[in-house]
PDB file of all heavy atoms in Angstrom:
ATOM      1  N   LEU A   1       6.784   6.824   8.857  1.00  0.00           N
ATOM      2  CA  LEU A   1       6.323   5.447   9.003  1.00  0.00           C
ATOM      3  C   LEU A   1       7.428   4.517   9.498  1.00  0.00           C
ATOM      4  O   LEU A   1       7.209   3.308   9.621  1.00  0.00           O
ATOM      5  CB  LEU A   1       5.779   4.935   7.663  1.00  0.00           C
ATOM      6  CG  LEU A   1       4.556   5.673   7.106  1.00  0.00           C
ATOM      7  CD1 LEU A   1       4.120   5.065   5.778  1.00  0.00           C
ATOM      8  CD2 LEU A   1       3.396   5.648   8.103  1.00  0.00           C
ATOM      9  N   HIS A   2       8.594   5.091   9.777  1.00  0.00           N
ATOM     10  CA  HIS A   2       9.728   4.336  10.328  1.00  0.00           C
ATOM     11  C   HIS A   2      10.202   3.221   9.382  1.00  0.00           C
ATOM     12  O   HIS A   2      10.486   2.096   9.795  1.00  0.00           O
ATOM     13  CB  HIS A   2       9.363   3.732  11.695  1.00  0.00           C
ATOM     14  CG  HIS A   2       8.834   4.738  12.667  1.00  0.00           C
ATOM     15  ND1 HIS A   2       9.624   5.736  13.218  1.00  0.00           N
ATOM     16  CD2 HIS A   2       7.578   4.932  13.166  1.00  0.00           C
ATOM     17  CE1 HIS A   2       8.889   6.484  14.016  1.00  0.00           C
ATOM     18  NE2 HIS A   2       7.643   6.019  14.016  1.00  0.00           N
ATOM     19  N   VAL A   3      10.257   3.542   8.077  1.00  0.00           N
ATOM     20  CA  VAL A   3      10.789   2.600   7.081  1.00  0.00           C
ATOM     21  C   VAL A   3      11.805   3.342   6.221  1.00  0.00           C
ATOM     22  O   VAL A   3      11.738   4.572   6.057  1.00  0.00           O
ATOM     23  CB  VAL A   3       9.682   2.015   6.192  1.00  0.00           C
ATOM     24  CG1 VAL A   3       8.745   1.139   7.010  1.00  0.00           C
ATOM     25  CG2 VAL A   3       8.908   3.113   5.481  1.00  0.00           C
ATOM     26  N   SER A   4      12.751   2.603   5.676  1.00  0.00           N
ATOM     27  CA  SER A   4      13.783   3.224   4.847  1.00  0.00           C
ATOM     28  C   SER A   4      13.736   2.764   3.399  1.00  0.00           C
ATOM     29  O   SER A   4      14.469   3.288   2.553  1.00  0.00           O
ATOM     30  CB  SER A   4      15.176   2.910   5.413  1.00  0.00           C
ATOM     31  OG  SER A   4      15.388   1.502   5.483  1.00  0.00           O
ATOM     32  N   SER A   5      12.884   1.792   3.094  1.00  0.00           N
ATOM     33  CA  SER A   5      12.774   1.309   1.725  1.00  0.00           C
ATOM     34  C   SER A   5      11.387   0.742   1.496  1.00  0.00           C
ATOM     35  O   SER A   5      10.642   0.477   2.444  1.00  0.00           O
ATOM     36  CB  SER A   5      13.836   0.242   1.430  1.00  0.00           C
ATOM     37  OG  SER A   5      13.620  -0.907   2.225  1.00  0.00           O
ATOM     38  N   GLY A   6      11.053   0.551   0.231  1.00  0.00           N
ATOM     39  CA  GLY A   6       9.746   0.022  -0.129  1.00  0.00           C
ATOM     40  C   GLY A   6       9.107   0.851  -1.223  1.00  0.00           C
ATOM     41  O   GLY A   6       9.705   1.790  -1.746  1.00  0.00           O
ATOM     42  N   ALA A   7       7.890   0.467  -1.608  1.00  0.00           N
ATOM     43  CA  ALA A   7       7.131   1.181  -2.636  1.00  0.00           C
ATOM     44  C   ALA A   7       6.026   1.976  -1.950  1.00  0.00           C
ATOM     45  O   ALA A   7       5.186   1.417  -1.246  1.00  0.00           O
ATOM     46  CB  ALA A   7       6.537   0.198  -3.633  1.00  0.00           C
ATOM     47  N   LEU A   8       6.037   3.285  -2.144  1.00  0.00           N
ATOM     48  CA  LEU A   8       5.064   4.166  -1.493  1.00  0.00           C
ATOM     49  C   LEU A   8       3.738   4.128  -2.248  1.00  0.00           C
ATOM     50  O   LEU A   8       3.661   4.487  -3.425  1.00  0.00           O
ATOM     51  CB  LEU A   8       5.593   5.589  -1.448  1.00  0.00           C
ATOM     52  CG  LEU A   8       4.638   6.657  -0.891  1.00  0.00           C
ATOM     53  CD1 LEU A   8       4.266   6.353   0.559  1.00  0.00           C
ATOM     54  CD2 LEU A   8       5.244   8.052  -1.026  1.00  0.00           C
ATOM     55  N   VAL A   9       2.678   3.691  -1.576  1.00  0.00           N
ATOM     56  CA  VAL A   9       1.342   3.641  -2.159  1.00  0.00           C
ATOM     57  C   VAL A   9       0.693   5.016  -2.048  1.00  0.00           C
ATOM     58  O   VAL A   9       0.537   5.551  -0.946  1.00  0.00           O
ATOM     59  CB  VAL A   9       0.474   2.584  -1.448  1.00  0.00           C
ATOM     60  CG1 VAL A   9      -0.953   2.601  -2.002  1.00  0.00           C
ATOM     61  CG2 VAL A   9       1.088   1.205  -1.585  1.00  0.00           C
ATOM     62  N   VAL A  10       0.324   5.584  -3.213  1.00  0.00           N
ATOM     63  CA  VAL A  10      -0.328   6.896  -3.225  1.00  0.00           C
ATOM     64  C   VAL A  10      -1.768   6.804  -3.707  1.00  0.00           C
ATOM     65  O   VAL A  10      -2.485   7.801  -3.725  1.00  0.00           O
ATOM     66  CB  VAL A  10       0.457   7.883  -4.108  1.00  0.00           C
ATOM     67  CG1 VAL A  10       1.822   8.162  -3.502  1.00  0.00           C
ATOM     68  CG2 VAL A  10       0.594   7.373  -5.541  1.00  0.00           C
ATOM     69  N   GLY A  11      -2.201   5.606  -4.094  1.00  0.00           N
ATOM     70  CA  GLY A  11      -3.586   5.414  -4.509  1.00  0.00           C
ATOM     71  C   GLY A  11      -3.915   3.939  -4.567  1.00  0.00           C
ATOM     72  O   GLY A  11      -3.038   3.100  -4.814  1.00  0.00           O
ATOM     73  N   VAL A  12      -5.177   3.603  -4.318  1.00  0.00           N
ATOM     74  CA  VAL A  12      -5.635   2.212  -4.351  1.00  0.00           C
ATOM     75  C   VAL A  12      -6.901   2.142  -5.193  1.00  0.00           C
ATOM     76  O   VAL A  12      -7.845   2.919  -4.992  1.00  0.00           O
ATOM     77  CB  VAL A  12      -5.902   1.673  -2.931  1.00  0.00           C
ATOM     78  CG1 VAL A  12      -6.423   0.237  -2.992  1.00  0.00           C
ATOM     79  CG2 VAL A  12      -4.637   1.739  -2.081  1.00  0.00           C
ATOM     80  N   GLU A  13      -6.917   1.220  -6.146  1.00  0.00           N
ATOM     81  CA  GLU A  13      -8.065   1.059  -7.029  1.00  0.00           C
ATOM     82  C   GLU A  13      -9.223   0.420  -6.271  1.00  0.00           C
ATOM     83  O   GLU A  13      -9.060  -0.636  -5.636  1.00  0.00           O
ATOM     84  CB  GLU A  13      -7.664   0.169  -8.211  1.00  0.00           C
ATOM     85  CG  GLU A  13      -8.687   0.109  -9.319  1.00  0.00           C
ATOM     86  CD  GLU A  13      -8.687   1.363 -10.183  1.00  0.00           C
ATOM     87  OE1 GLU A  13      -7.734   2.158 -10.095  1.00  0.00           O
ATOM     88  OE2 GLU A  13      -9.648   1.518 -10.941  1.00  0.00           O
ATOM     89  N   PRO A  14     -10.421   1.035  -6.292  1.00  0.00           N
ATOM     90  CA  PRO A  14     -11.578   0.433  -5.621  1.00  0.00           C
ATOM     91  C   PRO A  14     -11.862  -0.967  -6.159  1.00  0.00           C
ATOM     92  O   PRO A  14     -11.810  -1.206  -7.363  1.00  0.00           O
ATOM     93  CB  PRO A  14     -12.721   1.400  -5.969  1.00  0.00           C
ATOM     94  CG  PRO A  14     -12.040   2.704  -6.259  1.00  0.00           C
ATOM     95  CD  PRO A  14     -10.737   2.346  -6.901  1.00  0.00           C
ATOM     96  N   GLY A  15     -12.141  -1.896  -5.255  1.00  0.00           N
ATOM     97  CA  GLY A  15     -12.463  -3.254  -5.652  1.00  0.00           C
ATOM     98  C   GLY A  15     -11.270  -4.114  -6.023  1.00  0.00           C
ATOM     99  O   GLY A  15     -11.436  -5.277  -6.398  1.00  0.00           O
ATOM    100  N   SER A  16     -10.074  -3.566  -5.914  1.00  0.00           N
ATOM    101  CA  SER A  16      -8.867  -4.305  -6.269  1.00  0.00           C
ATOM    102  C   SER A  16      -8.440  -5.218  -5.129  1.00  0.00           C
ATOM    103  O   SER A  16      -8.917  -5.095  -3.990  1.00  0.00           O
ATOM    104  CB  SER A  16      -7.736  -3.331  -6.584  1.00  0.00           C
ATOM    105  OG  SER A  16      -7.360  -2.618  -5.412  1.00  0.00           O
ATOM    106  N   PRO A  17      -7.499  -6.142  -5.387  1.00  0.00           N
ATOM    107  CA  PRO A  17      -6.981  -6.980  -4.296  1.00  0.00           C
ATOM    108  C   PRO A  17      -6.395  -6.154  -3.156  1.00  0.00           C
ATOM    109  O   PRO A  17      -6.568  -6.514  -1.978  1.00  0.00           O
ATOM    110  CB  PRO A  17      -5.905  -7.820  -4.988  1.00  0.00           C
ATOM    111  CG  PRO A  17      -6.363  -7.917  -6.402  1.00  0.00           C
ATOM    112  CD  PRO A  17      -6.983  -6.582  -6.695  1.00  0.00           C
ATOM    113  N   ALA A  18      -5.723  -5.044  -3.489  1.00  0.00           N
ATOM    114  CA  ALA A  18      -5.150  -4.194  -2.446  1.00  0.00           C
ATOM    115  C   ALA A  18      -6.240  -3.581  -1.582  1.00  0.00           C
ATOM    116  O   ALA A  18      -6.127  -3.518  -0.344  1.00  0.00           O
ATOM    117  CB  ALA A  18      -4.284  -3.108  -3.069  1.00  0.00           C
ATOM    118  N   ALA A  19      -7.324  -3.116  -2.228  1.00  0.00           N
ATOM    119  CA  ALA A  19      -8.431  -2.535  -1.469  1.00  0.00           C
ATOM    120  C   ALA A  19      -9.089  -3.580  -0.576  1.00  0.00           C
ATOM    121  O   ALA A  19      -9.428  -3.307   0.585  1.00  0.00           O
ATOM    122  CB  ALA A  19      -9.453  -1.931  -2.427  1.00  0.00           C
ATOM    123  N   ASP A  20      -9.266  -4.776  -1.118  1.00  0.00           N
ATOM    124  CA  ASP A  20      -9.877  -5.844  -0.326  1.00  0.00           C
ATOM    125  C   ASP A  20      -9.025  -6.207   0.884  1.00  0.00           C
ATOM    126  O   ASP A  20      -9.556  -6.605   1.931  1.00  0.00           O
ATOM    127  CB  ASP A  20     -10.081  -7.089  -1.194  1.00  0.00           C
ATOM    128  CG  ASP A  20     -11.140  -6.886  -2.268  1.00  0.00           C
ATOM    129  OD1 ASP A  20     -11.922  -5.924  -2.143  1.00  0.00           O
ATOM    130  OD2 ASP A  20     -11.161  -7.682  -3.229  1.00  0.00           O
ATOM    131  N   ALA A  21      -7.701  -6.053   0.744  1.00  0.00           N
ATOM    132  CA  ALA A  21      -6.805  -6.376   1.866  1.00  0.00           C
ATOM    133  C   ALA A  21      -6.782  -5.276   2.915  1.00  0.00           C
ATOM    134  O   ALA A  21      -6.280  -5.489   4.021  1.00  0.00           O
ATOM    135  CB  ALA A  21      -5.388  -6.614   1.342  1.00  0.00           C
ATOM    136  N   GLY A  22      -7.288  -4.076   2.573  1.00  0.00           N
ATOM    137  CA  GLY A  22      -7.301  -2.967   3.520  1.00  0.00           C
ATOM    138  C   GLY A  22      -6.138  -2.004   3.350  1.00  0.00           C
ATOM    139  O   GLY A  22      -5.921  -1.128   4.196  1.00  0.00           O
ATOM    140  N   ILE A  23      -5.400  -2.117   2.256  1.00  0.00           N
ATOM    141  CA  ILE A  23      -4.313  -1.161   2.011  1.00  0.00           C
ATOM    142  C   ILE A  23      -4.910   0.179   1.617  1.00  0.00           C
ATOM    143  O   ILE A  23      -5.817   0.252   0.787  1.00  0.00           O
ATOM    144  CB  ILE A  23      -3.374  -1.674   0.904  1.00  0.00           C
ATOM    145  CG1 ILE A  23      -2.767  -3.019   1.296  1.00  0.00           C
ATOM    146  CG2 ILE A  23      -2.277  -0.665   0.611  1.00  0.00           C
ATOM    147  CD1 ILE A  23      -1.931  -3.656   0.200  1.00  0.00           C
ATOM    148  N   ALA A  24      -4.428   1.253   2.213  1.00  0.00           N
ATOM    149  CA  ALA A  24      -4.888   2.607   1.888  1.00  0.00           C
ATOM    150  C   ALA A  24      -3.686   3.541   1.907  1.00  0.00           C
ATOM    151  O   ALA A  24      -2.750   3.368   2.698  1.00  0.00           O
ATOM    152  CB  ALA A  24      -5.955   3.077   2.882  1.00  0.00           C
ATOM    153  N   ALA A  25      -3.711   4.528   1.027  1.00  0.00           N
ATOM    154  CA  ALA A  25      -2.623   5.512   0.974  1.00  0.00           C
ATOM    155  C   ALA A  25      -2.711   6.468   2.172  1.00  0.00           C
ATOM    156  O   ALA A  25      -3.816   6.809   2.622  1.00  0.00           O
ATOM    157  CB  ALA A  25      -2.705   6.290  -0.326  1.00  0.00           C
ATOM    158  N   PRO A  26      -1.550   6.892   2.707  1.00  0.00           N
ATOM    159  CA  PRO A  26      -0.200   6.459   2.347  1.00  0.00           C
ATOM    160  C   PRO A  26       0.180   5.177   3.084  1.00  0.00           C
ATOM    161  O   PRO A  26      -0.132   5.004   4.256  1.00  0.00           O
ATOM    162  CB  PRO A  26       0.657   7.620   2.801  1.00  0.00           C
ATOM    163  CG  PRO A  26      -0.059   8.171   4.003  1.00  0.00           C
ATOM    164  CD  PRO A  26      -1.531   7.997   3.705  1.00  0.00           C
ATOM    165  N   ALA A  27       0.838   4.300   2.367  1.00  0.00           N
ATOM    166  CA  ALA A  27       1.356   3.063   2.934  1.00  0.00           C
ATOM    167  C   ALA A  27       2.611   2.698   2.147  1.00  0.00           C
ATOM    168  O   ALA A  27       2.823   3.189   1.044  1.00  0.00           O
ATOM    169  CB  ALA A  27       0.325   1.947   2.856  1.00  0.00           C
ATOM    170  N   VAL A  28       3.430   1.835   2.715  1.00  0.00           N
ATOM    171  CA  VAL A  28       4.658   1.404   2.047  1.00  0.00           C
ATOM    172  C   VAL A  28       4.648  -0.117   1.972  1.00  0.00           C
ATOM    173  O   VAL A  28       4.646  -0.795   3.004  1.00  0.00           O
ATOM    174  CB  VAL A  28       5.913   1.895   2.784  1.00  0.00           C
ATOM    175  CG1 VAL A  28       7.177   1.373   2.079  1.00  0.00           C
ATOM    176  CG2 VAL A  28       5.935   3.408   2.865  1.00  0.00           C
ATOM    177  N   ILE A  29       4.613  -0.641   0.746  1.00  0.00           N
ATOM    178  CA  ILE A  29       4.651  -2.090   0.565  1.00  0.00           C
ATOM    179  C   ILE A  29       6.079  -2.572   0.765  1.00  0.00           C
ATOM    180  O   ILE A  29       7.025  -2.065   0.167  1.00  0.00           O
ATOM    181  CB  ILE A  29       4.130  -2.485  -0.829  1.00  0.00           C
ATOM    182  CG1 ILE A  29       2.647  -2.119  -0.944  1.00  0.00           C
ATOM    183  CG2 ILE A  29       4.335  -3.975  -1.085  1.00  0.00           C
ATOM    184  CD1 ILE A  29       2.041  -2.392  -2.309  1.00  0.00           C
ATOM    185  N   GLN A  30       6.233  -3.588   1.617  1.00  0.00           N
ATOM    186  CA  GLN A  30       7.548  -4.100   1.984  1.00  0.00           C
ATOM    187  C   GLN A  30       7.887  -5.439   1.325  1.00  0.00           C
ATOM    188  O   GLN A  30       9.049  -5.718   1.063  1.00  0.00           O
ATOM    189  CB  GLN A  30       7.619  -4.275   3.503  1.00  0.00           C
ATOM    190  CG  GLN A  30       7.425  -2.977   4.289  1.00  0.00           C
ATOM    191  CD  GLN A  30       8.732  -2.215   4.464  1.00  0.00           C
ATOM    192  OE1 GLN A  30       9.511  -2.509   5.365  1.00  0.00           O
ATOM    193  NE2 GLN A  30       8.972  -1.247   3.598  1.00  0.00           N
ATOM    194  N   SER A  31       6.853  -6.257   1.076  1.00  0.00           N
ATOM    195  CA  SER A  31       7.142  -7.539   0.441  1.00  0.00           C
ATOM    196  C   SER A  31       5.887  -8.084  -0.232  1.00  0.00           C
ATOM    197  O   SER A  31       4.759  -7.753   0.139  1.00  0.00           O
ATOM    198  CB  SER A  31       7.671  -8.557   1.451  1.00  0.00           C
ATOM    199  OG  SER A  31       6.653  -8.955   2.351  1.00  0.00           O
ATOM    200  N   ILE A  32       6.117  -8.926  -1.241  1.00  0.00           N
ATOM    201  CA  ILE A  32       5.055  -9.640  -1.951  1.00  0.00           C
ATOM    202  C   ILE A  32       5.456 -11.105  -2.009  1.00  0.00           C
ATOM    203  O   ILE A  32       6.526 -11.452  -2.518  1.00  0.00           O
ATOM    204  CB  ILE A  32       4.863  -9.114  -3.390  1.00  0.00           C
ATOM    205  CG1 ILE A  32       4.471  -7.631  -3.397  1.00  0.00           C
ATOM    206  CG2 ILE A  32       3.844  -9.969  -4.144  1.00  0.00           C
ATOM    207  CD1 ILE A  32       3.046  -7.355  -3.024  1.00  0.00           C
TER     208      ILE A  32
END
């Protein structure tokens, strides 16, 4: 994914804010 740091997302709760935003595993969160 061409990143060197962050939190690796391995699962997303259905109906959660992350799911509503379109985040899906695998992804790397970079900032909040």
